[in-house]
């Protein structure tokens, strides 16, 4: 859903990829480095700020309403660098007074000093990676903190005045069973976060956990499904509303930045491996810190891919992303936006409804059920096949 800000400017999200980590988690395939050299951090900050200055002139008709510092571990990178980058964003983009400004953090790198500085700079939201409340499991997956550190980090975040706290949890971890997962969800709820993300463990190729997967006792697909459904029920009982496959929140505390990805909003990414969807084009940045820094310094090429997305591909993305949301999709909006007949997809979703995997609301919107979310990839595949049969609607 697009809505317009002051002077009818188009809303824009900005994503800053901070690639620095204290150590690499055993399951993580996001781009990051464990370079602790302050010179590398300074060079990165200089490059990102230069990149932002250059891009700002391309977006005079946009209003930035979300800024998101992800990683990597932004809290390990530090408050000074984030504050400097945010200041440059404000100077070169029109940033809304009510913008949601988020940074990701790990419990071991959360300090009172960092939080006070970022709060004073206008950051409004913290996304804290807790993952689990069992220290033995945390060690197995390479997390650099204990659960006690996570509890203390939450206390510090609240003491610093942040009123919007999100926490990340993972299920299907080594030696984790259904009961221990349910206990984890219950324990983390007592920390009183405003938003909770629950992700199932996936072993990505190239990660240590994938390489040594035979040495782990992991939940199978059926157990992960049970864990997922139980989390939905527990969170619902405690007042958390599910609004996306993996995301739950208290009233009014959705992740406004992530909603841009799921609803087709525009965003610009800065830093190595960051992606953008801006002015009808999608592009991504080189997955290499040194190449990014050198490219910005010398005026060289830092983009690794630039695409203009065809209408049918945009329509496919609309199906995929809207069906991630509990609110689902409106066939009329689909047809108006892409000029494609929705009836072939309607037939697929009607079959899913008969199987308890989808529902149609009184106003004609389609959305998946929790059971449908579990097989959403299969449903999407069927929808994309059906879309190929969809005829272009002729304007009258």
Protein backbone atom coordinates (compact mmCIF):
# COMPACT_ATOMS: atom_id res chain seq x y z
CA UNK A 1 0.00 0.00 0.00
CA UNK A 2 1.42 3.36 -1.01
CA UNK A 3 0.44 6.51 0.79
CA UNK A 4 1.88 9.93 0.28
CA UNK A 5 3.65 12.23 2.68
CA UNK A 6 3.95 15.97 2.79
CA UNK A 7 3.59 17.78 -0.52
CA UNK A 8 2.55 14.46 -2.11
CA UNK A 9 6.10 13.12 -1.94
CA UNK A 10 6.52 9.38 -2.44
CA UNK A 11 7.48 7.43 0.71
CA UNK A 12 10.99 5.97 0.67
CA UNK A 13 12.83 3.57 2.96
CA UNK A 14 16.59 3.64 3.44
CA UNK A 15 18.52 0.53 4.40
CA UNK A 16 22.12 0.67 5.66
CA UNK A 17 23.97 -2.64 5.59
CA UNK A 18 26.56 -2.66 8.36
CA UNK A 19 28.82 -5.66 7.60
CA UNK A 20 30.77 -5.85 10.86
CA UNK A 21 30.34 -8.63 13.45
CA UNK A 22 32.22 -9.67 16.55
CA UNK A 23 32.02 -13.24 15.28
CA UNK A 24 30.13 -15.15 12.61
CA UNK A 25 27.09 -17.18 13.70
CA UNK A 26 27.19 -20.79 12.51
CA UNK A 27 23.90 -20.52 10.58
CA UNK A 28 24.30 -17.05 9.05
CA UNK A 29 24.74 -16.52 5.31
CA UNK A 30 24.32 -12.72 5.35
CA UNK A 31 27.37 -10.80 4.21
CA UNK A 32 29.57 -9.78 7.14
CA UNK A 33 33.21 -9.57 8.18
CA UNK A 34 34.89 -10.02 11.55
CA UNK A 35 37.48 -7.33 10.89
CA UNK A 36 37.96 -5.47 14.18
CA UNK A 37 40.32 -2.87 12.67
CA UNK A 38 38.87 0.61 13.39
CA UNK A 39 40.41 1.79 10.11
CA UNK A 40 38.12 -0.55 8.16
CA UNK A 41 35.10 0.80 10.03
CA UNK A 42 36.18 4.39 9.38
CA UNK A 43 36.71 3.68 5.69
CA UNK A 44 33.30 2.02 5.49
CA UNK A 45 31.63 4.99 7.19
CA UNK A 46 33.31 7.42 4.81
CA UNK A 47 32.21 5.36 1.79
CA UNK A 48 28.58 5.03 2.93
CA UNK A 49 28.33 8.74 3.68
CA UNK A 50 29.76 9.61 0.26
CA UNK A 51 27.34 7.21 -1.39
CA UNK A 52 24.38 8.76 0.45
CA UNK A 53 25.43 12.28 -0.55
CA UNK A 54 25.58 11.23 -4.19
CA UNK A 55 22.19 9.46 -4.09
CA UNK A 56 20.34 12.23 -2.28
CA UNK A 57 20.18 14.40 -5.38
CA UNK A 58 18.31 11.61 -7.20
CA UNK A 59 15.38 11.63 -4.78
CA UNK A 60 14.04 15.20 -4.47
CA UNK A 61 10.43 14.03 -4.69
CA UNK A 62 10.71 11.38 -1.98
CA UNK A 63 10.04 11.52 1.74
CA UNK A 64 12.09 9.10 3.85
CA UNK A 65 9.75 7.60 6.43
CA UNK A 66 11.87 4.60 7.52
CA UNK A 67 15.60 4.08 8.05
CA UNK A 68 16.94 0.65 8.97
CA UNK A 69 20.49 -0.23 10.05
CA UNK A 70 20.91 -3.99 9.57
CA UNK A 71 23.82 -6.32 9.32
CA UNK A 72 26.06 -7.71 10.39
CA UNK A 73 25.81 -6.24 13.86
CA UNK A 74 25.22 -2.48 13.90
CA UNK A 75 25.55 -2.34 17.70
CA UNK A 76 29.07 -3.83 17.39
CA UNK A 77 29.88 -1.20 14.75
CA UNK A 78 28.99 1.43 17.34
CA UNK A 79 26.95 4.53 17.98
CA UNK A 80 29.41 7.05 16.53
CA UNK A 81 29.34 5.54 13.05
CA UNK A 82 25.56 5.12 13.00
CA UNK A 83 25.00 8.65 14.26
CA UNK A 84 27.31 10.05 11.58
CA UNK A 85 25.53 8.12 8.80
CA UNK A 86 22.08 9.16 10.04
CA UNK A 87 23.18 12.79 10.14
CA UNK A 88 24.25 12.59 6.48
CA UNK A 89 20.92 10.97 5.55
CA UNK A 90 19.08 13.88 7.16
CA UNK A 91 21.21 16.43 5.31
CA UNK A 92 20.75 14.90 1.87
CA UNK A 93 17.25 13.41 2.04
CA UNK A 94 13.93 14.77 3.23
CA UNK A 95 13.36 12.70 6.39
CA UNK A 96 9.91 12.70 7.96
CA UNK A 97 9.63 13.98 11.51
CA UNK A 98 7.82 10.76 12.45
CA UNK A 99 10.23 8.43 10.64
CA UNK A 100 10.79 4.96 12.08
CA UNK A 101 14.56 4.63 12.61
CA UNK A 102 15.73 1.14 13.57
CA UNK A 103 19.05 -0.47 14.41
CA UNK A 104 19.80 -4.14 14.94
CA UNK A 105 21.71 -5.19 18.03
CA UNK A 106 23.19 -8.21 19.73
CA UNK A 107 22.96 -8.41 23.53
CA UNK A 108 26.74 -8.54 24.03
CA UNK A 109 27.27 -5.17 22.32
CA UNK A 110 24.44 -3.22 23.95
CA UNK A 111 25.67 -0.60 26.40
CA UNK A 112 24.07 2.31 28.21
CA UNK A 113 26.37 4.72 26.39
CA UNK A 114 25.46 3.36 22.94
CA UNK A 115 21.74 3.47 23.70
CA UNK A 116 21.78 6.99 25.14
CA UNK A 117 23.69 8.29 22.12
CA UNK A 118 21.41 6.67 19.56
CA UNK A 119 18.26 7.70 21.41
CA UNK A 120 19.48 11.30 21.44
CA UNK A 121 20.20 11.09 17.70
CA UNK A 122 16.59 10.17 16.98
CA UNK A 123 16.66 6.39 16.67
CA UNK A 124 13.21 5.09 17.62
CA UNK A 125 13.36 1.30 17.41
CA UNK A 126 15.71 -1.54 18.42
CA UNK A 127 15.72 -5.02 16.90
CA UNK A 128 17.47 -7.33 19.35
CA UNK A 129 18.75 -10.75 18.29
CA UNK A 130 18.03 -13.10 21.21
CA UNK A 131 17.28 -16.32 19.24
CA UNK A 132 17.04 -18.62 22.29
CA UNK A 133 16.98 -18.67 26.10
CA UNK A 134 19.25 -21.73 26.41
CA UNK A 135 22.95 -20.92 26.74
CA UNK A 136 24.11 -24.35 25.53
CA UNK A 137 22.11 -23.98 22.32
CA UNK A 138 23.36 -20.43 21.88
CA UNK A 139 26.94 -21.73 21.99
CA UNK A 140 26.16 -24.47 19.47
CA UNK A 141 24.90 -21.96 16.92
CA UNK A 142 27.78 -19.55 17.52
CA UNK A 143 25.91 -16.74 19.23
CA UNK A 144 28.32 -14.43 21.12
CA UNK A 145 26.05 -13.85 24.14
CA UNK A 146 24.15 -15.55 26.95
CA UNK A 147 20.45 -15.28 27.72
CA UNK A 148 21.28 -13.31 30.87
CA UNK A 149 23.00 -10.73 28.66
CA UNK A 150 19.83 -10.58 26.57
CA UNK A 151 17.69 -9.90 29.64
CA UNK A 152 20.05 -7.14 30.77
CA UNK A 153 20.11 -5.68 27.26
CA UNK A 154 16.30 -5.39 27.28
CA UNK A 155 16.45 -3.61 30.62
CA UNK A 156 19.05 -1.17 29.28
CA UNK A 157 17.01 -0.52 26.12
CA UNK A 158 13.92 0.37 28.16
CA UNK A 159 15.95 2.46 30.61
CA UNK A 160 17.33 4.48 27.66
CA UNK A 161 13.77 5.38 26.66
CA UNK A 162 13.14 3.17 23.61
CA UNK A 163 9.43 2.44 23.40
CA UNK A 164 9.60 0.14 20.37
CA UNK A 165 11.56 -3.06 20.93
CA UNK A 166 11.58 -6.03 18.59
CA UNK A 167 13.24 -9.35 19.38
CA UNK A 168 14.25 -12.19 17.06
CA UNK A 169 13.76 -15.85 17.98
CA UNK A 170 14.64 -19.05 16.11
CA UNK A 171 13.04 -22.50 16.28
CA UNK A 172 14.28 -25.86 15.07
CA UNK A 173 17.67 -25.25 16.71
CA UNK A 174 20.03 -28.10 17.73
CA UNK A 175 18.61 -30.22 20.58
CA UNK A 176 15.52 -27.99 20.80
CA UNK A 177 12.22 -29.84 21.20
CA UNK A 178 8.64 -28.57 21.14
CA UNK A 179 8.39 -28.06 24.90
CA UNK A 180 11.67 -26.15 25.19
CA UNK A 181 10.65 -23.93 22.25
CA UNK A 182 7.31 -23.16 23.84
CA UNK A 183 9.10 -22.32 27.09
CA UNK A 184 11.43 -19.99 25.17
CA UNK A 185 8.49 -18.08 23.69
CA UNK A 186 6.83 -17.79 27.10
CA UNK A 187 10.08 -16.61 28.74
CA UNK A 188 10.77 -13.97 26.11
CA UNK A 189 7.21 -12.65 26.36
CA UNK A 190 7.92 -11.83 30.03
CA UNK A 191 10.54 -9.36 28.76
CA UNK A 192 7.58 -7.39 27.35
CA UNK A 193 8.80 -6.70 23.81
CA UNK A 194 6.55 -4.84 21.38
CA UNK A 195 7.37 -7.02 18.39
CA UNK A 196 8.58 -10.62 17.99
CA UNK A 197 9.95 -12.31 14.87
CA UNK A 198 10.06 -16.12 14.83
CA UNK A 199 12.21 -17.78 12.17
CA UNK A 200 12.69 -21.46 11.48
CA UNK A 201 16.31 -22.62 11.18
CA UNK A 202 17.38 -23.21 7.59
CA UNK A 203 20.77 -24.69 6.84
CA UNK A 204 22.21 -22.54 4.07
CA UNK A 205 25.01 -23.87 1.90
CA UNK A 206 28.40 -22.45 2.80
CA UNK A 207 27.62 -22.02 6.49
CA UNK A 208 29.35 -24.07 9.23
CA UNK A 209 26.04 -25.59 10.35
CA UNK A 210 25.37 -26.85 6.84
CA UNK A 211 28.87 -28.26 6.56
CA UNK A 212 28.60 -30.17 9.85
CA UNK A 213 24.85 -30.85 9.76
CA UNK A 214 25.21 -34.55 10.47
CA UNK A 215 26.58 -33.73 13.92
CA UNK A 216 23.45 -31.82 15.00
CA UNK A 217 20.15 -33.15 16.32
CA UNK A 218 17.66 -31.01 14.43
CA UNK A 219 13.89 -30.86 14.20
CA UNK A 220 12.38 -32.35 11.06
CA UNK A 221 9.82 -30.51 8.93
CA UNK A 222 6.87 -31.82 10.92
CA UNK A 223 8.41 -30.73 14.21
CA UNK A 224 9.24 -27.29 12.83
CA UNK A 225 5.60 -27.00 11.70
CA UNK A 226 4.39 -27.87 15.21
CA UNK A 227 6.79 -25.31 16.68
CA UNK A 228 5.55 -22.63 14.31
CA UNK A 229 1.87 -23.25 14.96
CA UNK A 230 2.41 -23.38 18.72
CA UNK A 231 4.21 -20.02 18.64
CA UNK A 232 1.26 -18.46 16.81
CA UNK A 233 -1.11 -19.70 19.49
CA UNK A 234 1.05 -18.65 22.44
CA UNK A 235 1.66 -15.20 21.04
CA UNK A 236 -2.02 -14.74 20.24
CA UNK A 237 -2.96 -15.54 23.83
CA UNK A 238 -0.53 -12.88 25.02
CA UNK A 239 -1.93 -10.15 22.79
CA UNK A 240 0.47 -10.34 19.85
CA UNK A 241 -1.13 -9.98 16.44
CA UNK A 242 0.38 -11.94 13.58
CA UNK A 243 0.66 -9.68 10.54
CA UNK A 244 3.21 -11.58 8.43
CA UNK A 245 4.39 -15.18 8.18
CA UNK A 246 7.13 -14.74 10.78
CA UNK A 247 6.19 -11.47 12.49
CA UNK A 248 3.96 -10.62 15.45
CA UNK A 249 3.37 -7.35 17.28
CA UNK A 250 1.43 -5.45 19.86
CA UNK A 251 -1.19 -3.08 18.49
CA UNK A 252 0.34 -0.42 16.26
CA UNK A 253 3.90 -1.79 16.41
CA UNK A 254 4.38 -3.35 12.98
CA UNK A 255 7.78 -2.98 11.36
CA UNK A 256 7.05 -0.11 9.01
CA UNK A 257 10.33 -0.59 7.17
CA UNK A 258 9.84 -4.30 6.48
CA UNK A 259 6.30 -3.60 5.31
CA UNK A 260 7.86 -1.72 2.39
CA UNK A 261 9.39 -4.97 1.14
CA UNK A 262 6.11 -6.86 1.52
CA UNK A 263 3.86 -4.21 -0.04
CA UNK A 264 6.03 -3.06 -2.95
CA UNK A 265 7.26 0.21 -1.49
CA UNK A 266 10.44 1.88 -2.73
CA UNK A 267 13.73 1.70 -0.83
CA UNK A 268 17.39 2.52 -1.31
CA UNK A 269 20.18 0.38 0.14
CA UNK A 270 23.73 1.48 1.02
CA UNK A 271 26.73 -0.61 2.01
CA UNK A 272 28.12 -3.89 0.60
CA UNK A 273 25.44 -6.40 -0.45
CA UNK A 274 22.58 -3.94 0.09
CA UNK A 275 19.66 -4.01 -2.36
CA UNK A 276 17.37 -1.30 -3.71
CA UNK A 277 14.03 -1.02 -5.48
CA UNK A 278 13.84 2.54 -6.71
CA UNK A 279 12.29 4.42 -9.63
CA UNK A 280 11.17 1.22 -11.32
CA UNK A 281 14.54 -0.50 -11.13
CA UNK A 282 16.03 -3.05 -8.80
CA UNK A 283 19.76 -3.09 -8.13
CA UNK A 284 22.24 -4.51 -5.63
CA UNK A 285 25.72 -3.62 -4.44
CA UNK A 286 28.87 -5.73 -4.58
CA UNK A 287 29.16 -8.30 -1.80
CA UNK A 288 32.65 -7.18 -0.84
CA UNK A 289 33.61 -4.50 1.70
CA UNK A 290 36.93 -3.54 0.11
CA UNK A 291 35.46 -3.43 -3.41
CA UNK A 292 32.65 -1.21 -2.14
CA UNK A 293 35.02 1.21 -0.38
CA UNK A 294 37.39 1.39 -3.35
CA UNK A 295 34.53 1.79 -5.83
CA UNK A 296 33.03 4.73 -3.94
CA UNK A 297 36.43 6.38 -3.48
CA UNK A 298 37.42 6.13 -7.15
CA UNK A 299 34.03 6.58 -8.76
CA UNK A 300 34.14 2.99 -9.95
CA UNK A 301 31.39 0.43 -10.35
CA UNK A 302 29.79 -0.74 -7.10
CA UNK A 303 26.55 -2.12 -8.52
CA UNK A 304 26.58 -5.81 -9.38
CA UNK A 305 23.13 -6.03 -10.92
CA UNK A 306 20.58 -3.58 -12.35
CA UNK A 307 17.19 -4.77 -13.56
CA UNK A 308 14.05 -3.27 -14.96
CA UNK A 309 11.34 -5.64 -13.78
CA UNK A 310 8.74 -6.68 -16.40
CA UNK A 311 5.07 -6.30 -15.53
CA UNK A 312 4.38 -10.01 -15.10
CA UNK A 313 7.37 -10.40 -12.80
CA UNK A 314 6.15 -7.48 -10.70
CA UNK A 315 2.74 -9.15 -10.61
CA UNK A 316 4.36 -12.39 -9.41
CA UNK A 317 6.18 -10.50 -6.67
CA UNK A 318 2.90 -8.88 -5.66
CA UNK A 319 1.34 -12.33 -5.22
CA UNK A 320 4.32 -13.66 -3.29
CA UNK A 321 4.74 -10.70 -0.95
CA UNK A 322 1.06 -9.99 -0.28
CA UNK A 323 0.45 -13.63 0.60
CA UNK A 324 3.17 -13.36 3.24
CA UNK A 325 0.88 -10.90 5.00
CA UNK A 326 -2.09 -11.89 7.14
CA UNK A 327 -4.04 -9.13 5.40
CA UNK A 328 -3.51 -10.96 2.11
CA UNK A 329 -4.25 -9.55 -1.32
CA UNK A 330 -7.13 -7.85 -3.07
CA UNK A 331 -7.87 -9.28 -6.57
CA UNK A 332 -9.26 -5.95 -7.75
CA UNK A 333 -6.06 -4.11 -6.82
CA UNK A 334 -4.02 -6.84 -8.58
CA UNK A 335 -6.06 -6.44 -11.77
CA UNK A 336 -5.97 -2.64 -11.70
CA UNK A 337 -2.24 -2.52 -10.99
CA UNK A 338 -1.05 -5.10 -13.52
CA UNK A 339 -3.94 -5.30 -16.01
CA UNK A 340 -3.98 -9.10 -15.69
CA UNK A 341 -7.05 -11.27 -15.17
CA UNK A 342 -7.05 -12.73 -11.64
CA UNK A 343 -9.46 -15.60 -12.31
CA UNK A 344 -6.78 -18.31 -12.91
CA UNK A 345 -5.26 -17.51 -9.49
CA UNK A 346 -8.75 -17.40 -7.97
CA UNK A 347 -9.20 -21.06 -8.93
CA UNK A 348 -5.94 -22.03 -7.19
CA UNK A 349 -6.87 -20.16 -4.03
CA UNK A 350 -10.37 -21.67 -4.06
CA UNK A 351 -8.80 -25.15 -4.02
CA UNK A 352 -6.57 -24.02 -1.15
CA UNK A 353 -9.67 -22.82 0.68
CA UNK A 354 -11.23 -26.27 0.39
CA UNK A 355 -8.05 -27.70 1.97
CA UNK A 356 -8.05 -25.20 4.85
CA UNK A 357 -4.97 -23.42 3.50
CA UNK A 358 -6.58 -20.12 2.46
CA UNK A 359 -9.56 -17.96 3.31
CA UNK A 360 -11.55 -15.30 1.49
CA UNK A 361 -12.83 -12.38 3.54
CA UNK A 362 -16.19 -10.67 3.18
CA UNK A 363 -14.62 -7.89 1.09
CA UNK A 364 -13.05 -10.31 -1.39
CA UNK A 365 -9.47 -10.40 -0.09
CA UNK A 366 -7.56 -13.67 -0.10
CA UNK A 367 -5.13 -14.65 2.65
CA UNK A 368 -3.39 -17.82 3.76
CA UNK A 369 -4.17 -19.58 7.03
CA UNK A 370 -1.37 -20.54 9.45
CA UNK A 371 -1.42 -24.01 7.88
CA UNK A 372 -1.22 -22.35 4.46
CA UNK A 373 1.83 -20.36 5.52
CA UNK A 374 3.60 -23.66 6.17
CA UNK A 375 3.23 -24.66 2.51
CA UNK A 376 3.29 -21.17 1.04
CA UNK A 377 6.11 -22.01 -1.38
CA UNK A 378 4.01 -24.75 -2.96
CA UNK A 379 0.95 -22.50 -3.14
CA UNK A 380 3.00 -19.72 -4.71
CA UNK A 381 4.40 -22.11 -7.32
CA UNK A 382 0.86 -23.09 -8.30
CA UNK A 383 -0.16 -19.43 -8.45
CA UNK A 384 2.74 -18.53 -10.72
CA UNK A 385 1.85 -21.36 -13.09
CA UNK A 386 -1.73 -20.08 -13.11
CA UNK A 387 -0.54 -16.52 -13.73
CA UNK A 388 1.12 -17.64 -16.97
CA UNK A 389 -2.38 -18.40 -18.22
CA UNK A 390 -3.71 -15.03 -17.17
CA UNK A 391 -4.84 -12.80 -20.02
CA UNK A 392 -4.12 -9.11 -20.25
CA UNK A 393 -7.18 -7.00 -19.48
CA UNK A 394 -8.06 -4.62 -22.26
CA UNK A 395 -8.87 -1.10 -21.13
CA UNK A 396 -12.30 0.10 -22.16
